[in-house]
Amino acid sequence: MEMEKLKNNSFQDIIVLIETSRKRVFIKINQELVQLYWKVGEYISLKIEKESWGKSTVKELAEFISNKNPEIKGFSSRNIWRMKQFYEIYKENEKLSTLWSVLSWSQNRGMAT
C-alpha cells in the first residue's frame, strides 16, 4: 500500500510538470498573437495614413484572408479595425507599449474600449 502511495505522488508530480509547461506554452502563444495583432494594426494604420485605405479596403483584406486561408480565424474586418485601434492607442506611450505584450488580447481589447 505504501509503494502505491509513493507511485501516485510521483505520478502527480508529472501531472504538475505537464500542467505547468502547458500554462507557459499558452502564455507564449498569447504573447505571439498579441504581437501579431500589434504588427497588423501598425500596418493597417500606416496604409490608412499613407495610401488612404478605408473601410472597403479593410473589408476586402478580411475577405482575402478568409478566402485564401479559411482556417485562419479572427481577421474579420471588425477585428482588423480593433488591431489598428490597439496599435494607435499604445504606440505613443512607452510604458503601455511594454505592458500590452504581457496582457492577453481580450485584456488589451477591454482596455481599448
PDB file of N, CA and C in Angstrom:
ATOM      1  N   MET A   1       0.823  -1.198   0.000  1.00  0.00           N
ATOM      2  CA  MET A   1       0.000   0.000   0.000  1.00  0.00           C
ATOM      3  C   MET A   1       0.871   1.268   0.000  1.00  0.00           C
ATOM      4  N   GLU A   2       1.934   1.255   0.795  1.00  0.00           N
ATOM      5  CA  GLU A   2       2.843   2.398   0.867  1.00  0.00           C
ATOM      6  C   GLU A   2       3.511   2.653  -0.486  1.00  0.00           C
ATOM      7  N   MET A   3       3.889   1.596  -1.197  1.00  0.00           N
ATOM      8  CA  MET A   3       4.509   1.723  -2.518  1.00  0.00           C
ATOM      9  C   MET A   3       3.535   2.365  -3.511  1.00  0.00           C
ATOM     10  N   GLU A   4       2.287   1.983  -3.418  1.00  0.00           N
ATOM     11  CA  GLU A   4       1.252   2.555  -4.301  1.00  0.00           C
ATOM     12  C   GLU A   4       1.094   4.057  -4.039  1.00  0.00           C
ATOM     13  N   LYS A   5       1.144   4.438  -2.796  1.00  0.00           N
ATOM     14  CA  LYS A   5       1.044   5.850  -2.425  1.00  0.00           C
ATOM     15  C   LYS A   5       2.234   6.638  -2.982  1.00  0.00           C
ATOM     16  N   LEU A   6       3.430   6.082  -2.895  1.00  0.00           N
ATOM     17  CA  LEU A   6       4.620   6.731  -3.443  1.00  0.00           C
ATOM     18  C   LEU A   6       4.518   6.888  -4.959  1.00  0.00           C
ATOM     19  N   LYS A   7       4.015   5.865  -5.627  1.00  0.00           N
ATOM     20  CA  LYS A   7       3.818   5.942  -7.086  1.00  0.00           C
ATOM     21  C   LYS A   7       2.839   7.056  -7.427  1.00  0.00           C
ATOM     22  N   ASN A   8       1.731   7.088  -6.719  1.00  0.00           N
ATOM     23  CA  ASN A   8       0.718   8.114  -7.000  1.00  0.00           C
ATOM     24  C   ASN A   8       1.278   9.519  -6.815  1.00  0.00           C
ATOM     25  N   ASN A   9       2.104   9.708  -5.774  1.00  0.00           N
ATOM     26  CA  ASN A   9       2.729  11.008  -5.560  1.00  0.00           C
ATOM     27  C   ASN A   9       3.678  11.349  -6.707  1.00  0.00           C
ATOM     28  N   SER A  10       4.450  10.370  -7.131  1.00  0.00           N
ATOM     29  CA  SER A  10       5.374  10.589  -8.251  1.00  0.00           C
ATOM     30  C   SER A  10       4.610  10.889  -9.527  1.00  0.00           C
ATOM     31  N   PHE A  11       3.554  10.161  -9.743  1.00  0.00           N
ATOM     32  CA  PHE A  11       2.737  10.382 -10.933  1.00  0.00           C
ATOM     33  C   PHE A  11       2.112  11.778 -10.894  1.00  0.00           C
ATOM     34  N   GLN A  12       1.680  12.180  -9.706  1.00  0.00           N
ATOM     35  CA  GLN A  12       1.097  13.520  -9.561  1.00  0.00           C
ATOM     36  C   GLN A  12       2.138  14.592  -9.858  1.00  0.00           C
ATOM     37  N   ASP A  13       3.386  14.350  -9.499  1.00  0.00           N
ATOM     38  CA  ASP A  13       4.460  15.288  -9.813  1.00  0.00           C
ATOM     39  C   ASP A  13       4.573  15.497 -11.325  1.00  0.00           C
ATOM     40  N   ILE A  14       4.425  14.419 -12.078  1.00  0.00           N
ATOM     41  CA  ILE A  14       4.486  14.510 -13.538  1.00  0.00           C
ATOM     42  C   ILE A  14       3.302  15.318 -14.066  1.00  0.00           C
ATOM     43  N   ILE A  15       2.133  15.112 -13.490  1.00  0.00           N
ATOM     44  CA  ILE A  15       0.952  15.894 -13.891  1.00  0.00           C
ATOM     45  C   ILE A  15       1.209  17.378 -13.664  1.00  0.00           C
ATOM     46  N   VAL A  16       1.799  17.729 -12.538  1.00  0.00           N
ATOM     47  CA  VAL A  16       2.114  19.135 -12.230  1.00  0.00           C
ATOM     48  C   VAL A  16       3.101  19.684 -13.254  1.00  0.00           C
ATOM     49  N   LEU A  17       4.116  18.905 -13.608  1.00  0.00           N
ATOM     50  CA  LEU A  17       5.076  19.349 -14.628  1.00  0.00           C
ATOM     51  C   LEU A  17       4.384  19.608 -15.965  1.00  0.00           C
ATOM     52  N   ILE A  18       3.510  18.699 -16.349  1.00  0.00           N
ATOM     53  CA  ILE A  18       2.776  18.853 -17.620  1.00  0.00           C
ATOM     54  C   ILE A  18       1.913  20.097 -17.587  1.00  0.00           C
ATOM     55  N   GLU A  19       1.163  20.278 -16.519  1.00  0.00           N
ATOM     56  CA  GLU A  19       0.262  21.435 -16.424  1.00  0.00           C
ATOM     57  C   GLU A  19       1.044  22.750 -16.399  1.00  0.00           C
ATOM     58  N   THR A  20       2.153  22.774 -15.699  1.00  0.00           N
ATOM     59  CA  THR A  20       2.979  23.977 -15.640  1.00  0.00           C
ATOM     60  C   THR A  20       3.519  24.329 -17.023  1.00  0.00           C
ATOM     61  N   SER A  21       3.985  23.329 -17.726  1.00  0.00           N
ATOM     62  CA  SER A  21       4.507  23.552 -19.075  1.00  0.00           C
ATOM     63  C   SER A  21       3.404  24.019 -20.020  1.00  0.00           C
ATOM     64  N   ARG A  22       2.245  23.420 -19.933  1.00  0.00           N
ATOM     65  CA  ARG A  22       1.125  23.826 -20.786  1.00  0.00           C
ATOM     66  C   ARG A  22       0.750  25.290 -20.547  1.00  0.00           C
ATOM     67  N   LYS A  23       0.762  25.721 -19.305  1.00  0.00           N
ATOM     68  CA  LYS A  23       0.449  27.119 -18.987  1.00  0.00           C
ATOM     69  C   LYS A  23       1.484  28.059 -19.605  1.00  0.00           C
ATOM     70  N   ARG A  24       2.766  27.677 -19.516  1.00  0.00           N
ATOM     71  CA  ARG A  24       3.819  28.503 -20.109  1.00  0.00           C
ATOM     72  C   ARG A  24       3.679  28.583 -21.623  1.00  0.00           C
ATOM     73  N   VAL A  25       3.326  27.472 -22.244  1.00  0.00           N
ATOM     74  CA  VAL A  25       3.117  27.456 -23.697  1.00  0.00           C
ATOM     75  C   VAL A  25       1.958  28.379 -24.059  1.00  0.00           C
ATOM     76  N   PHE A  26       0.871  28.308 -23.320  1.00  0.00           N
ATOM     77  CA  PHE A  26      -0.277  29.167 -23.587  1.00  0.00           C
ATOM     78  C   PHE A  26       0.116  30.646 -23.486  1.00  0.00           C
ATOM     79  N   ILE A  27       0.887  30.985 -22.463  1.00  0.00           N
ATOM     80  CA  ILE A  27       1.324  32.378 -22.289  1.00  0.00           C
ATOM     81  C   ILE A  27       2.173  32.821 -23.475  1.00  0.00           C
ATOM     82  N   LYS A  28       3.097  31.980 -23.925  1.00  0.00           N
ATOM     83  CA  LYS A  28       3.952  32.333 -25.066  1.00  0.00           C
ATOM     84  C   LYS A  28       3.135  32.483 -26.351  1.00  0.00           C
ATOM     85  N   ILE A  29       2.190  31.576 -26.561  1.00  0.00           N
ATOM     86  CA  ILE A  29       1.329  31.678 -27.747  1.00  0.00           C
ATOM     87  C   ILE A  29       0.538  32.973 -27.705  1.00  0.00           C
ATOM     88  N   ASN A  30      -0.008  33.294 -26.550  1.00  0.00           N
ATOM     89  CA  ASN A  30      -0.780  34.525 -26.415  1.00  0.00           C
ATOM     90  C   ASN A  30       0.091  35.748 -26.687  1.00  0.00           C
ATOM     91  N   GLN A  31       1.317  35.752 -26.188  1.00  0.00           N
ATOM     92  CA  GLN A  31       2.215  36.878 -26.429  1.00  0.00           C
ATOM     93  C   GLN A  31       2.503  37.030 -27.920  1.00  0.00           C
ATOM     94  N   GLU A  32       2.697  35.931 -28.610  1.00  0.00           N
ATOM     95  CA  GLU A  32       2.938  35.978 -30.059  1.00  0.00           C
ATOM     96  C   GLU A  32       1.717  36.506 -30.797  1.00  0.00           C
ATOM     97  N   LEU A  33       0.522  36.076 -30.387  1.00  0.00           N
ATOM     98  CA  LEU A  33      -0.701  36.566 -31.034  1.00  0.00           C
ATOM     99  C   LEU A  33      -0.870  38.069 -30.824  1.00  0.00           C
ATOM    100  N   VAL A  34      -0.640  38.521 -29.610  1.00  0.00           N
ATOM    101  CA  VAL A  34      -0.771  39.960 -29.331  1.00  0.00           C
ATOM    102  C   VAL A  34       0.246  40.736 -30.157  1.00  0.00           C
ATOM    103  N   GLN A  35       1.452  40.205 -30.289  1.00  0.00           N
ATOM    104  CA  GLN A  35       2.474  40.865 -31.109  1.00  0.00           C
ATOM    105  C   GLN A  35       2.044  40.885 -32.590  1.00  0.00           C
ATOM    106  N   LEU A  36       1.463  39.800 -33.063  1.00  0.00           N
ATOM    107  CA  LEU A  36       0.945  39.762 -34.430  1.00  0.00           C
ATOM    108  C   LEU A  36      -0.130  40.828 -34.626  1.00  0.00           C
ATOM    109  N   TYR A  37      -1.054  40.923 -33.692  1.00  0.00           N
ATOM    110  CA  TYR A  37      -2.124  41.922 -33.797  1.00  0.00           C
ATOM    111  C   TYR A  37      -1.557  43.340 -33.788  1.00  0.00           C
ATOM    112  N   TRP A  38      -0.503  43.559 -32.994  1.00  0.00           N
ATOM    113  CA  TRP A  38       0.184  44.854 -32.976  1.00  0.00           C
ATOM    114  C   TRP A  38       0.724  45.171 -34.364  1.00  0.00           C
ATOM    115  N   LYS A  39       1.415  44.205 -34.966  1.00  0.00           N
ATOM    116  CA  LYS A  39       2.027  44.419 -36.280  1.00  0.00           C
ATOM    117  C   LYS A  39       0.968  44.645 -37.358  1.00  0.00           C
ATOM    118  N   VAL A  40      -0.115  43.887 -37.308  1.00  0.00           N
ATOM    119  CA  VAL A  40      -1.198  44.092 -38.274  1.00  0.00           C
ATOM    120  C   VAL A  40      -1.800  45.478 -38.075  1.00  0.00           C
ATOM    121  N   GLY A  41      -2.025  45.854 -36.821  1.00  0.00           N
ATOM    122  CA  GLY A  41      -2.568  47.177 -36.526  1.00  0.00           C
ATOM    123  C   GLY A  41      -1.676  48.289 -37.027  1.00  0.00           C
ATOM    124  N   GLU A  42      -0.370  48.123 -36.841  1.00  0.00           N
ATOM    125  CA  GLU A  42       0.589  49.112 -37.325  1.00  0.00           C
ATOM    126  C   GLU A  42       0.537  49.194 -38.859  1.00  0.00           C
ATOM    127  N   TYR A  43       0.507  48.058 -39.503  1.00  0.00           N
ATOM    128  CA  TYR A  43       0.473  48.006 -40.967  1.00  0.00           C
ATOM    129  C   TYR A  43      -0.779  48.708 -41.502  1.00  0.00           C
ATOM    130  N   ILE A  44      -1.921  48.388 -40.921  1.00  0.00           N
ATOM    131  CA  ILE A  44      -3.179  48.997 -41.363  1.00  0.00           C
ATOM    132  C   ILE A  44      -3.164  50.500 -41.103  1.00  0.00           C
ATOM    133  N   SER A  45      -2.693  50.885 -39.937  1.00  0.00           N
ATOM    134  CA  SER A  45      -2.629  52.303 -39.598  1.00  0.00           C
ATOM    135  C   SER A  45      -1.791  53.079 -40.611  1.00  0.00           C
ATOM    136  N   LEU A  46      -0.639  52.522 -40.979  1.00  0.00           N
ATOM    137  CA  LEU A  46       0.232  53.193 -41.954  1.00  0.00           C
ATOM    138  C   LEU A  46      -0.406  53.227 -43.339  1.00  0.00           C
ATOM    139  N   LYS A  47      -1.078  52.160 -43.727  1.00  0.00           N
ATOM    140  CA  LYS A  47      -1.749  52.133 -45.034  1.00  0.00           C
ATOM    141  C   LYS A  47      -2.872  53.171 -45.098  1.00  0.00           C
ATOM    142  N   ILE A  48      -3.587  53.324 -44.017  1.00  0.00           N
ATOM    143  CA  ILE A  48      -4.663  54.324 -43.972  1.00  0.00           C
ATOM    144  C   ILE A  48      -4.071  55.722 -44.070  1.00  0.00           C
ATOM    145  N   GLU A  49      -2.977  55.941 -43.352  1.00  0.00           N
ATOM    146  CA  GLU A  49      -2.328  57.245 -43.335  1.00  0.00           C
ATOM    147  C   GLU A  49      -1.688  57.592 -44.687  1.00  0.00           C
ATOM    148  N   LYS A  50      -0.979  56.641 -45.280  1.00  0.00           N
ATOM    149  CA  LYS A  50      -0.178  56.946 -46.470  1.00  0.00           C
ATOM    150  C   LYS A  50      -0.860  56.621 -47.797  1.00  0.00           C
ATOM    151  N   GLU A  51      -1.770  55.651 -47.782  1.00  0.00           N
ATOM    152  CA  GLU A  51      -2.392  55.226 -49.034  1.00  0.00           C
ATOM    153  C   GLU A  51      -3.912  55.367 -49.022  1.00  0.00           C
ATOM    154  N   SER A  52      -4.421  56.025 -48.017  1.00  0.00           N
ATOM    155  CA  SER A  52      -5.859  56.303 -47.906  1.00  0.00           C
ATOM    156  C   SER A  52      -6.728  55.051 -47.921  1.00  0.00           C
ATOM    157  N   TRP A  53      -6.222  53.983 -47.291  1.00  0.00           N
ATOM    158  CA  TRP A  53      -7.084  52.812 -47.141  1.00  0.00           C
ATOM    159  C   TRP A  53      -8.284  53.215 -46.309  1.00  0.00           C
ATOM    160  N   GLY A  54      -9.421  52.582 -46.588  1.00  0.00           N
ATOM    161  CA  GLY A  54     -10.626  52.862 -45.835  1.00  0.00           C
ATOM    162  C   GLY A  54     -11.376  51.581 -45.520  1.00  0.00           C
ATOM    163  N   LYS A  55     -12.644  51.754 -45.154  1.00  0.00           N
ATOM    164  CA  LYS A  55     -13.457  50.611 -44.752  1.00  0.00           C
ATOM    165  C   LYS A  55     -13.543  49.550 -45.846  1.00  0.00           C
ATOM    166  N   SER A  56     -13.719  49.980 -47.074  1.00  0.00           N
ATOM    167  CA  SER A  56     -13.877  48.989 -48.149  1.00  0.00           C
ATOM    168  C   SER A  56     -12.586  48.205 -48.378  1.00  0.00           C
ATOM    169  N   THR A  57     -11.432  48.855 -48.267  1.00  0.00           N
ATOM    170  CA  THR A  57     -10.162  48.159 -48.458  1.00  0.00           C
ATOM    171  C   THR A  57      -9.920  47.168 -47.323  1.00  0.00           C
ATOM    172  N   VAL A  58     -10.218  47.570 -46.098  1.00  0.00           N
ATOM    173  CA  VAL A  58     -10.047  46.669 -44.954  1.00  0.00           C
ATOM    174  C   VAL A  58     -11.022  45.495 -45.075  1.00  0.00           C
ATOM    175  N   LYS A  59     -12.224  45.765 -45.550  1.00  0.00           N
ATOM    176  CA  LYS A  59     -13.190  44.681 -45.768  1.00  0.00           C
ATOM    177  C   LYS A  59     -12.666  43.714 -46.836  1.00  0.00           C
ATOM    178  N   GLU A  60     -12.098  44.248 -47.902  1.00  0.00           N
ATOM    179  CA  GLU A  60     -11.513  43.404 -48.949  1.00  0.00           C
ATOM    180  C   GLU A  60     -10.365  42.561 -48.383  1.00  0.00           C
ATOM    181  N   LEU A  61      -9.554  43.152 -47.533  1.00  0.00           N
ATOM    182  CA  LEU A  61      -8.450  42.428 -46.906  1.00  0.00           C
ATOM    183  C   LEU A  61      -8.995  41.264 -46.073  1.00  0.00           C
ATOM    184  N   ALA A  62      -9.998  41.529 -45.270  1.00  0.00           N
ATOM    185  CA  ALA A  62     -10.594  40.481 -44.430  1.00  0.00           C
ATOM    186  C   ALA A  62     -11.143  39.349 -45.300  1.00  0.00           C
ATOM    187  N   GLU A  63     -11.798  39.703 -46.389  1.00  0.00           N
ATOM    188  CA  GLU A  63     -12.339  38.688 -47.299  1.00  0.00           C
ATOM    189  C   GLU A  63     -11.207  37.918 -47.986  1.00  0.00           C
ATOM    190  N   PHE A  64     -10.147  38.622 -48.354  1.00  0.00           N
ATOM    191  CA  PHE A  64      -8.986  37.986 -48.982  1.00  0.00           C
ATOM    192  C   PHE A  64      -8.372  36.949 -48.048  1.00  0.00           C
ATOM    193  N   ILE A  65      -8.175  37.336 -46.791  1.00  0.00           N
ATOM    194  CA  ILE A  65      -7.612  36.412 -45.800  1.00  0.00           C
ATOM    195  C   ILE A  65      -8.522  35.197 -45.657  1.00  0.00           C
ATOM    196  N   SER A  66      -9.809  35.431 -45.537  1.00  0.00           N
ATOM    197  CA  SER A  66     -10.774  34.352 -45.372  1.00  0.00           C
ATOM    198  C   SER A  66     -10.806  33.414 -46.577  1.00  0.00           C
ATOM    199  N   ASN A  67     -10.733  33.980 -47.773  1.00  0.00           N
ATOM    200  CA  ASN A  67     -10.778  33.158 -48.984  1.00  0.00           C
ATOM    201  C   ASN A  67      -9.480  32.396 -49.214  1.00  0.00           C
ATOM    202  N   LYS A  68      -8.349  33.039 -48.970  1.00  0.00           N
ATOM    203  CA  LYS A  68      -7.055  32.412 -49.197  1.00  0.00           C
ATOM    204  C   LYS A  68      -6.725  31.360 -48.139  1.00  0.00           C
ATOM    205  N   ASN A  69      -7.123  31.653 -46.909  1.00  0.00           N
ATOM    206  CA  ASN A  69      -6.803  30.766 -45.782  1.00  0.00           C
ATOM    207  C   ASN A  69      -8.020  30.622 -44.874  1.00  0.00           C
ATOM    208  N   PRO A  70      -9.004  29.815 -45.270  1.00  0.00           N
ATOM    209  CA  PRO A  70     -10.237  29.696 -44.479  1.00  0.00           C
ATOM    210  C   PRO A  70     -10.009  29.219 -43.043  1.00  0.00           C
ATOM    211  N   GLU A  71      -8.892  28.538 -42.798  1.00  0.00           N
ATOM    212  CA  GLU A  71      -8.616  28.046 -41.441  1.00  0.00           C
ATOM    213  C   GLU A  71      -8.150  29.150 -40.501  1.00  0.00           C
ATOM    214  N   ILE A  72      -7.750  30.285 -41.047  1.00  0.00           N
ATOM    215  CA  ILE A  72      -7.313  31.412 -40.213  1.00  0.00           C
ATOM    216  C   ILE A  72      -8.548  32.155 -39.720  1.00  0.00           C
ATOM    217  N   LYS A  73      -8.678  32.229 -38.417  1.00  0.00           N
ATOM    218  CA  LYS A  73      -9.830  32.885 -37.795  1.00  0.00           C
ATOM    219  C   LYS A  73      -9.378  34.157 -37.087  1.00  0.00           C
ATOM    220  N   GLY A  74     -10.302  35.073 -36.870  1.00  0.00           N
ATOM    221  CA  GLY A  74     -10.015  36.267 -36.079  1.00  0.00           C
ATOM    222  C   GLY A  74      -9.612  37.489 -36.878  1.00  0.00           C
ATOM    223  N   PHE A  75      -9.704  37.401 -38.213  1.00  0.00           N
ATOM    224  CA  PHE A  75      -9.293  38.532 -39.035  1.00  0.00           C
ATOM    225  C   PHE A  75     -10.467  39.084 -39.838  1.00  0.00           C
ATOM    226  N   SER A  76     -11.586  39.231 -39.157  1.00  0.00           N
ATOM    227  CA  SER A  76     -12.740  39.886 -39.768  1.00  0.00           C
ATOM    228  C   SER A  76     -12.416  41.374 -39.903  1.00  0.00           C
ATOM    229  N   SER A  77     -13.185  42.054 -40.684  1.00  0.00           N
ATOM    230  CA  SER A  77     -12.999  43.496 -40.857  1.00  0.00           C
ATOM    231  C   SER A  77     -13.047  44.196 -39.492  1.00  0.00           C
ATOM    232  N   ARG A  78     -14.004  43.812 -38.687  1.00  0.00           N
ATOM    233  CA  ARG A  78     -14.155  44.415 -37.357  1.00  0.00           C
ATOM    234  C   ARG A  78     -12.909  44.189 -36.496  1.00  0.00           C
ATOM    235  N   ASN A  79     -12.386  42.971 -36.514  1.00  0.00           N
ATOM    236  CA  ASN A  79     -11.198  42.679 -35.709  1.00  0.00           C
ATOM    237  C   ASN A  79      -9.961  43.400 -36.230  1.00  0.00           C
ATOM    238  N   ILE A  80      -9.860  43.541 -37.534  1.00  0.00           N
ATOM    239  CA  ILE A  80      -8.722  44.270 -38.100  1.00  0.00           C
ATOM    240  C   ILE A  80      -8.763  45.731 -37.647  1.00  0.00           C
ATOM    241  N   TRP A  81      -9.959  46.320 -37.623  1.00  0.00           N
ATOM    242  CA  TRP A  81     -10.091  47.692 -37.123  1.00  0.00           C
ATOM    243  C   TRP A  81      -9.689  47.768 -35.652  1.00  0.00           C
ATOM    244  N   ARG A  82     -10.017  46.723 -34.871  1.00  0.00           N
ATOM    245  CA  ARG A  82      -9.611  46.688 -33.458  1.00  0.00           C
ATOM    246  C   ARG A  82      -8.090  46.624 -33.329  1.00  0.00           C
ATOM    247  N   MET A  83      -7.449  45.876 -34.227  1.00  0.00           N
ATOM    248  CA  MET A  83      -5.987  45.788 -34.201  1.00  0.00           C
ATOM    249  C   MET A  83      -5.368  47.148 -34.480  1.00  0.00           C
ATOM    250  N   LYS A  84      -5.946  47.861 -35.421  1.00  0.00           N
ATOM    251  CA  LYS A  84      -5.479  49.222 -35.737  1.00  0.00           C
ATOM    252  C   LYS A  84      -5.653  50.124 -34.518  1.00  0.00           C
ATOM    253  N   GLN A  85      -6.811  50.049 -33.895  1.00  0.00           N
ATOM    254  CA  GLN A  85      -7.087  50.856 -32.706  1.00  0.00           C
ATOM    255  C   GLN A  85      -6.105  50.497 -31.578  1.00  0.00           C
ATOM    256  N   PHE A  86      -5.864  49.224 -31.392  1.00  0.00           N
ATOM    257  CA  PHE A  86      -4.925  48.734 -30.390  1.00  0.00           C
ATOM    258  C   PHE A  86      -3.543  49.349 -30.606  1.00  0.00           C
ATOM    259  N   TYR A  87      -3.065  49.306 -31.831  1.00  0.00           N
ATOM    260  CA  TYR A  87      -1.757  49.883 -32.158  1.00  0.00           C
ATOM    261  C   TYR A  87      -1.751  51.383 -31.868  1.00  0.00           C
ATOM    262  N   GLU A  88      -2.767  52.079 -32.326  1.00  0.00           N
ATOM    263  CA  GLU A  88      -2.784  53.536 -32.190  1.00  0.00           C
ATOM    264  C   GLU A  88      -2.912  53.998 -30.745  1.00  0.00           C
ATOM    265  N   ILE A  89      -3.564  53.219 -29.920  1.00  0.00           N
ATOM    266  CA  ILE A  89      -3.690  53.584 -28.504  1.00  0.00           C
ATOM    267  C   ILE A  89      -2.345  53.493 -27.796  1.00  0.00           C
ATOM    268  N   TYR A  90      -1.577  52.434 -28.087  1.00  0.00           N
ATOM    269  CA  TYR A  90      -0.352  52.174 -27.354  1.00  0.00           C
ATOM    270  C   TYR A  90       0.913  52.752 -27.985  1.00  0.00           C
ATOM    271  N   LYS A  91       0.910  53.088 -29.240  1.00  0.00           N
ATOM    272  CA  LYS A  91       2.157  53.426 -29.944  1.00  0.00           C
ATOM    273  C   LYS A  91       2.913  54.605 -29.350  1.00  0.00           C
ATOM    274  N   GLU A  92       2.232  55.574 -28.783  1.00  0.00           N
ATOM    275  CA  GLU A  92       2.883  56.778 -28.258  1.00  0.00           C
ATOM    276  C   GLU A  92       3.275  56.673 -26.791  1.00  0.00           C
ATOM    277  N   ASN A  93       2.805  55.627 -26.110  1.00  0.00           N
ATOM    278  CA  ASN A  93       3.044  55.534 -24.678  1.00  0.00           C
ATOM    279  C   ASN A  93       4.017  54.397 -24.391  1.00  0.00           C
ATOM    280  N   GLU A  94       5.255  54.740 -24.048  1.00  0.00           N
ATOM    281  CA  GLU A  94       6.308  53.747 -23.843  1.00  0.00           C
ATOM    282  C   GLU A  94       5.962  52.761 -22.729  1.00  0.00           C
ATOM    283  N   LYS A  95       5.385  53.262 -21.630  1.00  0.00           N
ATOM    284  CA  LYS A  95       5.033  52.380 -20.515  1.00  0.00           C
ATOM    285  C   LYS A  95       3.954  51.390 -20.934  1.00  0.00           C
ATOM    286  N   LEU A  96       2.937  51.880 -21.628  1.00  0.00           N
ATOM    287  CA  LEU A  96       1.865  50.996 -22.065  1.00  0.00           C
ATOM    288  C   LEU A  96       2.323  50.040 -23.159  1.00  0.00           C
ATOM    289  N   SER A  97       3.233  50.508 -24.013  1.00  0.00           N
ATOM    290  CA  SER A  97       3.669  49.651 -25.110  1.00  0.00           C
ATOM    291  C   SER A  97       4.442  48.438 -24.626  1.00  0.00           C
ATOM    292  N   THR A  98       5.031  48.491 -23.428  1.00  0.00           N
ATOM    293  CA  THR A  98       5.649  47.287 -22.879  1.00  0.00           C
ATOM    294  C   THR A  98       4.618  46.430 -22.153  1.00  0.00           C
ATOM    295  N   LEU A  99       3.605  47.051 -21.614  1.00  0.00           N
ATOM    296  CA  LEU A  99       2.549  46.323 -20.901  1.00  0.00           C
ATOM    297  C   LEU A  99       1.698  45.479 -21.841  1.00  0.00           C
ATOM    298  N   TRP A 100       1.380  45.991 -23.023  1.00  0.00           N
ATOM    299  CA  TRP A 100       0.470  45.262 -23.918  1.00  0.00           C
ATOM    300  C   TRP A 100       0.959  43.880 -24.263  1.00  0.00           C
ATOM    301  N   SER A 101       2.281  43.684 -24.257  1.00  0.00           N
ATOM    302  CA  SER A 101       2.829  42.390 -24.669  1.00  0.00           C
ATOM    303  C   SER A 101       2.629  41.294 -23.629  1.00  0.00           C
ATOM    304  N   VAL A 102       2.343  41.645 -22.388  1.00  0.00           N
ATOM    305  CA  VAL A 102       2.141  40.629 -21.360  1.00  0.00           C
ATOM    306  C   VAL A 102       0.673  40.413 -21.019  1.00  0.00           C
ATOM    307  N   LEU A 103      -0.198  41.218 -21.596  1.00  0.00           N
ATOM    308  CA  LEU A 103      -1.632  41.035 -21.383  1.00  0.00           C
ATOM    309  C   LEU A 103      -2.214  40.195 -22.506  1.00  0.00           C
ATOM    310  N   SER A 104      -3.300  39.508 -22.209  1.00  0.00           N
ATOM    311  CA  SER A 104      -3.969  38.745 -23.250  1.00  0.00           C
ATOM    312  C   SER A 104      -4.673  39.708 -24.209  1.00  0.00           C
ATOM    313  N   TRP A 105      -5.030  39.192 -25.375  1.00  0.00           N
ATOM    314  CA  TRP A 105      -5.730  40.011 -26.365  1.00  0.00           C
ATOM    315  C   TRP A 105      -7.043  40.532 -25.792  1.00  0.00           C
ATOM    316  N   SER A 106      -7.788  39.693 -25.067  1.00  0.00           N
ATOM    317  CA  SER A 106      -9.073  40.157 -24.517  1.00  0.00           C
ATOM    318  C   SER A 106      -8.849  41.248 -23.488  1.00  0.00           C
ATOM    319  N   GLN A 107      -7.780  41.181 -22.718  1.00  0.00           N
ATOM    320  CA  GLN A 107      -7.483  42.244 -21.761  1.00  0.00           C
ATOM    321  C   GLN A 107      -7.109  43.525 -22.490  1.00  0.00           C
ATOM    322  N   ASN A 108      -6.335  43.410 -23.553  1.00  0.00           N
ATOM    323  CA  ASN A 108      -5.961  44.580 -24.340  1.00  0.00           C
ATOM    324  C   ASN A 108      -7.185  45.202 -25.010  1.00  0.00           C
ATOM    325  N   ARG A 109      -8.055  44.362 -25.545  1.00  0.00           N
ATOM    326  CA  ARG A 109      -9.283  44.867 -26.189  1.00  0.00           C
ATOM    327  C   ARG A 109     -10.140  45.603 -25.180  1.00  0.00           C
ATOM    328  N   GLY A 110     -10.215  45.056 -23.967  1.00  0.00           N
ATOM    329  CA  GLY A 110     -11.004  45.687 -22.924  1.00  0.00           C
ATOM    330  C   GLY A 110     -10.474  47.056 -22.531  1.00  0.00           C
ATOM    331  N   MET A 111      -9.158  47.206 -22.547  1.00  0.00           N
ATOM    332  CA  MET A 111      -8.550  48.495 -22.209  1.00  0.00           C
ATOM    333  C   MET A 111      -8.754  49.499 -23.337  1.00  0.00           C
ATOM    334  N   ALA A 112      -8.922  49.010 -24.564  1.00  0.00           N
ATOM    335  CA  ALA A 112      -9.051  49.890 -25.705  1.00  0.00           C
ATOM    336  C   ALA A 112     -10.455  50.445 -25.876  1.00  0.00           C
ATOM    337  N   THR A 113     -11.419  49.829 -25.221  1.00  0.00           N
ATOM    338  CA  THR A 113     -12.799  50.293 -25.394  1.00  0.00           C
ATOM    339  C   THR A 113     -13.235  51.213 -24.290  1.00  0.00           C
TER     340      THR A 113
END
